[in-house]
Amino acid sequence: MAVRAATAAADGPRARVTALARGYLDFAERNPAVYDALFQLDGGLAYAQEDTPEPLKDAFAALLESLGEVARDGVDQGMFTEVFWACLHGLATLTRAGRLPPEDTERRVQLLVDRLAVV
């Protein structure tokens, strides 16, 4: 799975979150048809439900593992993971649609990590 592979070599919580963000956005860019099938198709896959496919549950669990390390004390880790994921999805979708310049992706990743990942 791409998220686990992206974070495996990173040293420390912030580095893992940065690697996670980069890996997520790289996957979206390199696999547009798969990304669209996962997130864009009407009547697509069920999320956060009993019948959510196991690979999707595992993907969210991988996000939760890395992001749980950097969530502020007292913050619901599941909710934090959903918000961080939503930010990554927005960046991926808007960049792919040409609404955000791709040359600024790294700056956006750093801003997201700096503002949300507290260690």
C-alpha atoms as a PDB file:
ATOM      1  CA  MET A   1       0.000   0.000   0.000  1.00  0.00           C
ATOM      2  CA  ALA A   2       1.339   3.379  -1.029  1.00  0.00           C
ATOM      3  CA  VAL A   3       0.845   5.191   2.285  1.00  0.00           C
ATOM      4  CA  ARG A   4       2.731   2.606   4.320  1.00  0.00           C
ATOM      5  CA  ALA A   5       5.528   2.464   1.736  1.00  0.00           C
ATOM      6  CA  ALA A   6       5.840   6.256   1.721  1.00  0.00           C
ATOM      7  CA  THR A   7       6.198   6.491   5.486  1.00  0.00           C
ATOM      8  CA  ALA A   8       8.362   3.409   6.110  1.00  0.00           C
ATOM      9  CA  ALA A   9      11.742   5.093   5.622  1.00  0.00           C
ATOM     10  CA  ALA A  10      10.864   8.401   7.289  1.00  0.00           C
ATOM     11  CA  ASP A  11      12.546   9.211  10.580  1.00  0.00           C
ATOM     12  CA  GLY A  12      10.232  10.793  13.146  1.00  0.00           C
ATOM     13  CA  PRO A  13       6.555  11.763  13.273  1.00  0.00           C
ATOM     14  CA  ARG A  14       6.758  14.992  11.216  1.00  0.00           C
ATOM     15  CA  ALA A  15       8.895  13.301   8.579  1.00  0.00           C
ATOM     16  CA  ARG A  16       6.351  10.458   8.377  1.00  0.00           C
ATOM     17  CA  VAL A  17       3.467  12.905   7.928  1.00  0.00           C
ATOM     18  CA  THR A  18       5.377  14.815   5.245  1.00  0.00           C
ATOM     19  CA  ALA A  19       6.216  11.550   3.461  1.00  0.00           C
ATOM     20  CA  LEU A  20       2.584  10.469   3.775  1.00  0.00           C
ATOM     21  CA  ALA A  21       1.367  13.701   2.159  1.00  0.00           C
ATOM     22  CA  ARG A  22       3.907  13.488  -0.651  1.00  0.00           C
ATOM     23  CA  GLY A  23       3.122   9.820  -1.234  1.00  0.00           C
ATOM     24  CA  TYR A  24      -0.618  10.460  -1.351  1.00  0.00           C
ATOM     25  CA  LEU A  25      -0.274  13.308  -3.846  1.00  0.00           C
ATOM     26  CA  ASP A  26       2.223  11.345  -5.928  1.00  0.00           C
ATOM     27  CA  PHE A  27      -0.171   8.379  -6.075  1.00  0.00           C
ATOM     28  CA  ALA A  28      -3.005  10.661  -7.232  1.00  0.00           C
ATOM     29  CA  GLU A  29      -0.798  12.162  -9.944  1.00  0.00           C
ATOM     30  CA  ARG A  30       0.676   8.876 -11.195  1.00  0.00           C
ATOM     31  CA  ASN A  31      -2.557   6.847 -11.046  1.00  0.00           C
ATOM     32  CA  PRO A  32      -5.349   9.170 -12.183  1.00  0.00           C
ATOM     33  CA  ALA A  33      -7.744   6.416 -13.295  1.00  0.00           C
ATOM     34  CA  VAL A  34      -7.366   4.502 -10.023  1.00  0.00           C
ATOM     35  CA  TYR A  35      -7.683   7.701  -7.997  1.00  0.00           C
ATOM     36  CA  ASP A  36     -10.854   8.632  -9.864  1.00  0.00           C
ATOM     37  CA  ALA A  37     -12.285   5.144  -9.350  1.00  0.00           C
ATOM     38  CA  LEU A  38     -11.613   5.426  -5.617  1.00  0.00           C
ATOM     39  CA  PHE A  39     -12.946   8.924  -5.034  1.00  0.00           C
ATOM     40  CA  GLN A  40     -14.757  10.470  -7.966  1.00  0.00           C
ATOM     41  CA  LEU A  41     -17.135   7.966  -9.529  1.00  0.00           C
ATOM     42  CA  ASP A  42     -20.827   8.261  -8.663  1.00  0.00           C
ATOM     43  CA  GLY A  43     -22.167   5.334  -6.723  1.00  0.00           C
ATOM     44  CA  GLY A  44     -18.605   4.321  -5.959  1.00  0.00           C
ATOM     45  CA  LEU A  45     -17.073   2.656  -2.981  1.00  0.00           C
ATOM     46  CA  ALA A  46     -18.515   2.915   0.512  1.00  0.00           C
ATOM     47  CA  TYR A  47     -16.347   4.701   3.083  1.00  0.00           C
ATOM     48  CA  ALA A  48     -16.497   4.521   6.875  1.00  0.00           C
ATOM     49  CA  GLN A  49     -19.201   1.870   6.760  1.00  0.00           C
ATOM     50  CA  GLU A  50     -19.528  -1.793   7.648  1.00  0.00           C
ATOM     51  CA  ASP A  51     -19.245  -2.820   3.987  1.00  0.00           C
ATOM     52  CA  THR A  52     -16.187  -0.681   3.223  1.00  0.00           C
ATOM     53  CA  PRO A  53     -13.703  -2.927   1.387  1.00  0.00           C
ATOM     54  CA  GLU A  54     -10.770  -4.093   3.543  1.00  0.00           C
ATOM     55  CA  PRO A  55      -8.093  -2.366   1.398  1.00  0.00           C
ATOM     56  CA  LEU A  56      -9.828   0.976   2.014  1.00  0.00           C
ATOM     57  CA  LYS A  57     -10.081   0.293   5.737  1.00  0.00           C
ATOM     58  CA  ASP A  58      -6.373  -0.550   5.737  1.00  0.00           C
ATOM     59  CA  ALA A  59      -5.546   2.657   3.862  1.00  0.00           C
ATOM     60  CA  PHE A  60      -7.399   4.748   6.442  1.00  0.00           C
ATOM     61  CA  ALA A  61      -5.720   2.805   9.260  1.00  0.00           C
ATOM     62  CA  ALA A  62      -2.325   3.637   7.725  1.00  0.00           C
ATOM     63  CA  LEU A  63      -3.265   7.328   7.639  1.00  0.00           C
ATOM     64  CA  LEU A  64      -4.467   7.135  11.233  1.00  0.00           C
ATOM     65  CA  GLU A  65      -1.209   5.521  12.392  1.00  0.00           C
ATOM     66  CA  SER A  66       0.978   8.308  11.033  1.00  0.00           C
ATOM     67  CA  LEU A  67      -1.371  11.174  11.756  1.00  0.00           C
ATOM     68  CA  GLY A  68      -2.219   9.956  15.246  1.00  0.00           C
ATOM     69  CA  GLU A  69       1.375  10.744  16.204  1.00  0.00           C
ATOM     70  CA  VAL A  70       0.957  14.435  15.400  1.00  0.00           C
ATOM     71  CA  ALA A  71      -2.609  15.244  16.441  1.00  0.00           C
ATOM     72  CA  ARG A  72      -2.887  17.765  19.270  1.00  0.00           C
ATOM     73  CA  ASP A  73      -3.723  16.398  22.690  1.00  0.00           C
ATOM     74  CA  GLY A  74      -7.450  16.138  23.200  1.00  0.00           C
ATOM     75  CA  VAL A  75      -8.226  16.094  19.477  1.00  0.00           C
ATOM     76  CA  ASP A  76     -10.201  13.142  18.174  1.00  0.00           C
ATOM     77  CA  GLN A  77      -7.602  11.266  16.096  1.00  0.00           C
ATOM     78  CA  GLY A  78     -10.180   9.869  13.686  1.00  0.00           C
ATOM     79  CA  MET A  79     -11.590  13.327  13.016  1.00  0.00           C
ATOM     80  CA  PHE A  80      -8.083  14.777  12.660  1.00  0.00           C
ATOM     81  CA  THR A  81      -7.237  12.068  10.123  1.00  0.00           C
ATOM     82  CA  GLU A  82     -10.416  12.805   8.156  1.00  0.00           C
ATOM     83  CA  VAL A  83      -9.590  16.528   8.003  1.00  0.00           C
ATOM     84  CA  PHE A  84      -5.978  15.919   6.963  1.00  0.00           C
ATOM     85  CA  TRP A  85      -7.128  13.406   4.335  1.00  0.00           C
ATOM     86  CA  ALA A  86      -9.719  15.903   3.060  1.00  0.00           C
ATOM     87  CA  CYS A  87      -6.967  18.496   2.677  1.00  0.00           C
ATOM     88  CA  LEU A  88      -4.814  16.061   0.706  1.00  0.00           C
ATOM     89  CA  HIS A  89      -7.773  15.058  -1.455  1.00  0.00           C
ATOM     90  CA  GLY A  90      -8.538  18.712  -2.165  1.00  0.00           C
ATOM     91  CA  LEU A  91      -4.918  19.406  -3.113  1.00  0.00           C
ATOM     92  CA  ALA A  92      -4.814  16.350  -5.370  1.00  0.00           C
ATOM     93  CA  THR A  93      -8.130  17.103  -7.040  1.00  0.00           C
ATOM     94  CA  LEU A  94      -7.541  20.826  -7.546  1.00  0.00           C
ATOM     95  CA  THR A  95      -4.009  20.299  -8.860  1.00  0.00           C
ATOM     96  CA  ARG A  96      -5.144  17.602 -11.295  1.00  0.00           C
ATOM     97  CA  ALA A  97      -7.935  19.914 -12.506  1.00  0.00           C
ATOM     98  CA  GLY A  98      -5.414  22.685 -13.221  1.00  0.00           C
ATOM     99  CA  ARG A  99      -6.832  24.989 -10.549  1.00  0.00           C
ATOM    100  CA  LEU A 100      -3.659  24.896  -8.435  1.00  0.00           C
ATOM    101  CA  PRO A 101      -0.226  25.218 -10.047  1.00  0.00           C
ATOM    102  CA  PRO A 102       1.702  21.967  -9.578  1.00  0.00           C
ATOM    103  CA  GLU A 103       4.998  23.776  -9.045  1.00  0.00           C
ATOM    104  CA  ASP A 104       3.725  24.947  -5.632  1.00  0.00           C
ATOM    105  CA  THR A 105       2.772  21.486  -4.382  1.00  0.00           C
ATOM    106  CA  GLU A 106       5.775  21.130  -2.074  1.00  0.00           C
ATOM    107  CA  ARG A 107       5.062  24.498  -0.444  1.00  0.00           C
ATOM    108  CA  ARG A 108       1.448  23.448   0.104  1.00  0.00           C
ATOM    109  CA  VAL A 109       2.559  20.169   1.695  1.00  0.00           C
ATOM    110  CA  GLN A 110       4.892  22.023   4.048  1.00  0.00           C
ATOM    111  CA  LEU A 111       2.168  24.512   5.002  1.00  0.00           C
ATOM    112  CA  LEU A 112      -0.284  21.701   5.712  1.00  0.00           C
ATOM    113  CA  VAL A 113       2.222  19.791   7.840  1.00  0.00           C
ATOM    114  CA  ASP A 114       3.416  22.935   9.643  1.00  0.00           C
ATOM    115  CA  ARG A 115      -0.117  24.004  10.574  1.00  0.00           C
ATOM    116  CA  LEU A 116      -1.691  20.658  11.439  1.00  0.00           C
ATOM    117  CA  ALA A 117       1.104  18.328  12.539  1.00  0.00           C
ATOM    118  CA  VAL A 118       2.118  19.148  16.092  1.00  0.00           C
ATOM    119  CA  VAL A 119       4.874  17.127  17.748  1.00  0.00           C
END
